Amino acid sequence: MSQMSSLRHFFEKHGFTVSTRLADSLGMNVKSVRLFFIYASFTTIVGGFIIYLTLAFWLKLKDMIYTNRTSVFDL
């Protein structure tokens, strides 16, 4: 057995049972817990991107409104 296969086998045996154990302790369906984790990860990624774009637009708008003028004749 190669080292990569043994590493994959270890994670399949010990790591992927997190949602199963959580579902058993909460008395829920395993599929619902897995879907919650998938939706939560997508929401986090998309939400961060939307916040980034909003802040970038806000800073660009602020720079357009409050420009530094070096002299009175720049009006």
C-alpha atoms as a PDB file:
ATOM      1  CA  MET A   1       0.000   0.000   0.000  1.00  0.00           C
ATOM      2  CA  SER A   2       1.490   3.313  -0.989  1.00  0.00           C
ATOM      3  CA  GLN A   3       1.902   6.182   1.412  1.00  0.00           C
ATOM      4  CA  MET A   4      -0.745   8.267  -0.353  1.00  0.00           C
ATOM      5  CA  SER A   5      -3.303   5.466  -0.149  1.00  0.00           C
ATOM      6  CA  SER A   6      -2.606   4.910   3.537  1.00  0.00           C
ATOM      7  CA  LEU A   7      -3.002   8.642   4.201  1.00  0.00           C
ATOM      8  CA  ARG A   8      -6.292   8.675   2.286  1.00  0.00           C
ATOM      9  CA  HIS A   9      -7.475   5.593   4.167  1.00  0.00           C
ATOM     10  CA  PHE A  10      -6.629   7.267   7.504  1.00  0.00           C
ATOM     11  CA  PHE A  11      -8.651  10.374   6.667  1.00  0.00           C
ATOM     12  CA  GLU A  12     -11.569   8.338   5.346  1.00  0.00           C
ATOM     13  CA  LYS A  13     -11.640   6.260   8.521  1.00  0.00           C
ATOM     14  CA  HIS A  14     -11.143   9.019  11.100  1.00  0.00           C
ATOM     15  CA  GLY A  15     -11.864  12.364   9.458  1.00  0.00           C
ATOM     16  CA  PHE A  16     -15.055  11.791   7.544  1.00  0.00           C
ATOM     17  CA  THR A  17     -16.931  10.494  10.558  1.00  0.00           C
ATOM     18  CA  VAL A  18     -17.254  13.997  11.992  1.00  0.00           C
ATOM     19  CA  SER A  19     -20.600  14.658  10.356  1.00  0.00           C
ATOM     20  CA  THR A  20     -21.806  11.164  11.262  1.00  0.00           C
ATOM     21  CA  ARG A  21     -20.930  11.579  14.927  1.00  0.00           C
ATOM     22  CA  LEU A  22     -22.420  15.073  15.022  1.00  0.00           C
ATOM     23  CA  ALA A  23     -25.639  13.854  13.404  1.00  0.00           C
ATOM     24  CA  ASP A  24     -25.868  10.955  15.851  1.00  0.00           C
ATOM     25  CA  SER A  25     -25.380  13.231  18.855  1.00  0.00           C
ATOM     26  CA  LEU A  26     -27.995  15.716  17.585  1.00  0.00           C
ATOM     27  CA  GLY A  27     -30.428  13.039  16.421  1.00  0.00           C
ATOM     28  CA  MET A  28     -30.431  14.306  12.840  1.00  0.00           C
ATOM     29  CA  ASN A  29     -29.960  12.814   9.412  1.00  0.00           C
ATOM     30  CA  VAL A  30     -26.312  12.664   8.246  1.00  0.00           C
ATOM     31  CA  LYS A  31     -27.244  14.054   4.841  1.00  0.00           C
ATOM     32  CA  SER A  32     -28.708  17.193   6.438  1.00  0.00           C
ATOM     33  CA  VAL A  33     -25.539  17.834   8.455  1.00  0.00           C
ATOM     34  CA  ARG A  34     -23.315  17.407   5.384  1.00  0.00           C
ATOM     35  CA  LEU A  35     -25.519  19.733   3.332  1.00  0.00           C
ATOM     36  CA  PHE A  36     -25.374  22.319   6.114  1.00  0.00           C
ATOM     37  CA  PHE A  37     -21.559  22.280   6.054  1.00  0.00           C
ATOM     38  CA  ILE A  38     -21.516  22.602   2.258  1.00  0.00           C
ATOM     39  CA  TYR A  39     -23.992  25.506   2.255  1.00  0.00           C
ATOM     40  CA  ALA A  40     -22.181  27.236   5.133  1.00  0.00           C
ATOM     41  CA  SER A  41     -18.842  27.066   3.307  1.00  0.00           C
ATOM     42  CA  PHE A  42     -20.317  28.492   0.086  1.00  0.00           C
ATOM     43  CA  THR A  43     -22.103  31.242   2.020  1.00  0.00           C
ATOM     44  CA  THR A  44     -18.878  32.192   3.783  1.00  0.00           C
ATOM     45  CA  ILE A  45     -16.918  32.388   0.536  1.00  0.00           C
ATOM     46  CA  VAL A  46     -19.582  34.359  -1.355  1.00  0.00           C
ATOM     47  CA  GLY A  47     -20.307  36.625   1.613  1.00  0.00           C
ATOM     48  CA  GLY A  48     -16.650  37.567   1.973  1.00  0.00           C
ATOM     49  CA  PHE A  49     -16.414  38.364  -1.728  1.00  0.00           C
ATOM     50  CA  ILE A  50     -19.520  40.572  -1.580  1.00  0.00           C
ATOM     51  CA  ILE A  51     -18.156  42.451   1.454  1.00  0.00           C
ATOM     52  CA  TYR A  52     -14.840  42.944  -0.381  1.00  0.00           C
ATOM     53  CA  LEU A  53     -16.560  44.371  -3.466  1.00  0.00           C
ATOM     54  CA  THR A  54     -18.749  46.656  -1.342  1.00  0.00           C
ATOM     55  CA  LEU A  55     -15.760  48.062   0.537  1.00  0.00           C
ATOM     56  CA  ALA A  56     -13.795  48.533  -2.690  1.00  0.00           C
ATOM     57  CA  PHE A  57     -16.699  50.454  -4.246  1.00  0.00           C
ATOM     58  CA  TRP A  58     -17.104  52.546  -1.085  1.00  0.00           C
ATOM     59  CA  LEU A  59     -13.412  53.489  -1.007  1.00  0.00           C
ATOM     60  CA  LYS A  60     -13.430  54.355  -4.715  1.00  0.00           C
ATOM     61  CA  LEU A  61     -16.510  56.545  -4.195  1.00  0.00           C
ATOM     62  CA  LYS A  62     -14.882  58.233  -1.190  1.00  0.00           C
ATOM     63  CA  ASP A  63     -11.759  58.975  -3.255  1.00  0.00           C
ATOM     64  CA  MET A  64     -13.870  60.461  -6.022  1.00  0.00           C
ATOM     65  CA  ILE A  65     -15.712  62.774  -3.615  1.00  0.00           C
ATOM     66  CA  TYR A  66     -12.848  63.804  -1.349  1.00  0.00           C
ATOM     67  CA  THR A  67      -9.973  64.566  -3.700  1.00  0.00           C
ATOM     68  CA  ASN A  68      -6.959  66.406  -2.345  1.00  0.00           C
ATOM     69  CA  ARG A  69      -6.536  69.709  -4.080  1.00  0.00           C
ATOM     70  CA  THR A  70      -3.081  71.224  -3.999  1.00  0.00           C
ATOM     71  CA  SER A  71      -4.109  74.818  -4.620  1.00  0.00           C
ATOM     72  CA  VAL A  72      -7.104  77.094  -4.931  1.00  0.00           C
ATOM     73  CA  PHE A  73      -6.748  77.197  -8.709  1.00  0.00           C
ATOM     74  CA  ASP A  74      -7.554  73.471  -9.055  1.00  0.00           C
ATOM     75  CA  LEU A  75     -11.270  74.156  -8.745  1.00  0.00           C
END
